[in-house]
Amino acid sequence: MTKTGYVSKIEDNKTYVITECESACGHDCSTCSSHCKKTFRESLVINTVGAKVGDRVEMSVSDSKVVFLAFLVYMLPLIILFGIWIVSDYIWDSGLLSFVSVAVFLIIWAFFVVKYNKKGVINKIERIL
């Protein structure tokens, strides 16, 4: 998966790139009736080509990482959630305790996802345009 953007700042070997978020209708907003606003996102990237502030760059992330992160954020918690619900319902035979078990898991999972999100950079600059 590749995107283009502009290098906005470089601080302590950290490079930030601003990219335009794509709308649900794709790139041709003139045919869309939703009138969505353009939004931008700043991402921390690995600067492998020596880009400088203001350079237009192409950055990429491997498709396998995108699929893994989507699985990690959407599917795995759902699978674990049902497992916890079934096991806790079997152990305690109480809907309320099962609900509390699931709620505790979701809170722990949210902390894990936030920590993992801050842990690493997955985008890298491929070339200067």
Protein backbone atom coordinates (compact mmCIF):
# COMPACT_ATOMS: atom_id res chain seq x y z
CA MET A 1 0.00 0.00 0.00
CA THR A 2 1.46 3.36 -1.02
CA LYS A 3 0.49 6.98 -0.37
CA THR A 4 1.97 10.31 -1.25
CA GLY A 5 2.42 13.23 1.10
CA TYR A 6 4.64 16.06 2.20
CA VAL A 7 7.34 15.97 4.87
CA SER A 8 6.08 18.35 7.55
CA LYS A 9 8.85 18.15 10.14
CA ILE A 10 11.93 16.24 11.15
CA GLU A 11 12.77 15.99 14.86
CA ASP A 12 15.50 13.83 16.39
CA ASN A 13 15.66 11.38 13.45
CA LYS A 14 11.85 11.18 13.38
CA THR A 15 10.21 12.19 10.12
CA TYR A 16 6.56 13.24 9.93
CA VAL A 17 4.61 13.14 6.67
CA ILE A 18 1.20 14.74 6.08
CA THR A 19 -1.11 12.78 3.78
CA GLU A 20 -4.64 13.45 2.59
CA CYS A 21 -7.19 10.96 3.88
CA GLU A 22 -9.17 9.28 1.14
CA SER A 23 -12.93 9.65 1.14
CA ALA A 24 -15.30 6.70 0.91
CA CYS A 25 -16.15 7.57 -2.69
CA GLY A 26 -12.54 7.43 -3.84
CA HIS A 27 -10.71 10.22 -5.63
CA ASP A 28 -13.54 11.61 -7.79
CA CYS A 29 -15.51 13.69 -5.29
CA SER A 30 -17.36 15.53 -8.07
CA THR A 31 -19.59 12.49 -8.63
CA CYS A 32 -20.29 11.98 -4.94
CA SER A 33 -23.23 13.58 -3.15
CA SER A 34 -21.86 13.25 0.39
CA HIS A 35 -19.87 16.54 0.27
CA CYS A 36 -17.15 15.30 2.58
CA LYS A 37 -14.41 17.62 3.78
CA LYS A 38 -10.76 16.99 3.00
CA THR A 39 -8.95 15.78 6.06
CA PHE A 40 -5.25 15.25 6.60
CA ARG A 41 -3.25 12.89 8.79
CA GLU A 42 0.29 13.24 10.07
CA SER A 43 2.23 9.97 10.25
CA LEU A 44 5.58 9.09 11.72
CA VAL A 45 7.66 7.35 9.03
CA ILE A 46 11.11 5.89 8.49
CA ASN A 47 13.12 8.22 6.27
CA THR A 48 15.27 5.89 4.14
CA VAL A 49 15.95 8.36 1.31
CA GLY A 50 17.02 11.51 3.15
CA ALA A 51 13.89 13.55 2.45
CA LYS A 52 13.81 17.08 3.82
CA VAL A 53 10.97 19.26 5.11
CA GLY A 54 8.67 20.26 2.26
CA ASP A 55 9.61 17.35 -0.03
CA ARG A 56 6.76 15.45 -1.69
CA VAL A 57 7.37 11.77 -0.97
CA GLU A 58 5.88 8.38 -1.63
CA MET A 59 5.62 6.18 1.43
CA SER A 60 4.64 2.55 1.70
CA VAL A 61 3.66 -0.14 4.14
CA SER A 62 3.62 -3.83 3.34
CA ASP A 63 0.22 -5.38 2.73
CA SER A 64 0.99 -8.17 5.19
CA LYS A 65 1.45 -5.62 8.00
CA VAL A 66 -1.86 -3.96 7.14
CA VAL A 67 -3.69 -7.30 7.17
CA PHE A 68 -1.99 -8.33 10.42
CA LEU A 69 -2.93 -5.06 12.14
CA ALA A 70 -6.53 -5.30 10.89
CA PHE A 71 -6.72 -8.85 12.29
CA LEU A 72 -5.14 -7.71 15.54
CA VAL A 73 -7.56 -4.82 16.01
CA TYR A 74 -10.83 -6.33 14.71
CA MET A 75 -10.88 -10.12 14.62
CA LEU A 76 -8.66 -11.29 17.47
CA PRO A 77 -10.53 -9.37 20.19
CA LEU A 78 -13.83 -10.75 18.88
CA ILE A 79 -12.55 -14.32 19.01
CA ILE A 80 -11.09 -13.85 22.50
CA LEU A 81 -14.23 -12.03 23.66
CA PHE A 82 -16.47 -14.99 22.77
CA GLY A 83 -13.99 -17.39 24.35
CA ILE A 84 -13.95 -15.43 27.60
CA TRP A 85 -17.74 -15.18 27.57
CA ILE A 86 -18.18 -18.94 27.14
CA VAL A 87 -15.53 -19.90 29.73
CA SER A 88 -16.68 -17.37 32.34
CA ASP A 89 -20.33 -18.32 31.82
CA TYR A 90 -19.38 -21.98 32.35
CA ILE A 91 -17.30 -21.22 35.46
CA TRP A 92 -19.61 -18.74 37.22
CA ASP A 93 -22.95 -19.53 35.60
CA SER A 94 -23.80 -15.86 35.92
CA GLY A 95 -24.47 -13.42 33.09
CA LEU A 96 -23.30 -10.47 35.17
CA LEU A 97 -19.90 -11.98 36.01
CA SER A 98 -19.47 -13.00 32.38
CA PHE A 99 -20.22 -9.44 31.33
CA VAL A 100 -17.70 -8.07 33.86
CA SER A 101 -15.06 -10.52 32.59
CA VAL A 102 -15.60 -9.37 29.01
CA ALA A 103 -15.52 -5.69 30.06
CA VAL A 104 -12.21 -6.18 31.90
CA PHE A 105 -10.76 -7.92 28.84
CA LEU A 106 -11.84 -5.06 26.56
CA ILE A 107 -10.18 -2.49 28.84
CA ILE A 108 -6.94 -4.51 28.93
CA TRP A 109 -7.11 -4.96 25.14
CA ALA A 110 -7.58 -1.22 24.60
CA PHE A 111 -4.44 -0.48 26.64
CA PHE A 112 -2.54 -3.13 24.65
CA VAL A 113 -3.60 -1.65 21.30
CA VAL A 114 -2.71 1.91 22.36
CA LYS A 115 0.71 0.76 23.62
CA TYR A 116 1.35 -1.26 20.44
CA ASN A 117 0.30 1.71 18.31
CA LYS A 118 2.88 3.96 19.98
CA LYS A 119 5.57 1.30 19.88
CA GLY A 120 6.67 1.30 16.29
CA VAL A 121 6.63 2.89 12.89
CA ILE A 122 5.31 0.81 10.03
CA ASN A 123 5.48 3.31 7.13
CA LYS A 124 8.68 4.06 5.28
CA ILE A 125 9.53 6.63 2.63
CA GLU A 126 10.28 4.91 -0.67
CA ARG A 127 11.23 7.88 -2.85
CA ILE A 128 11.14 11.64 -3.23
CA LEU A 129 8.76 12.79 -5.97
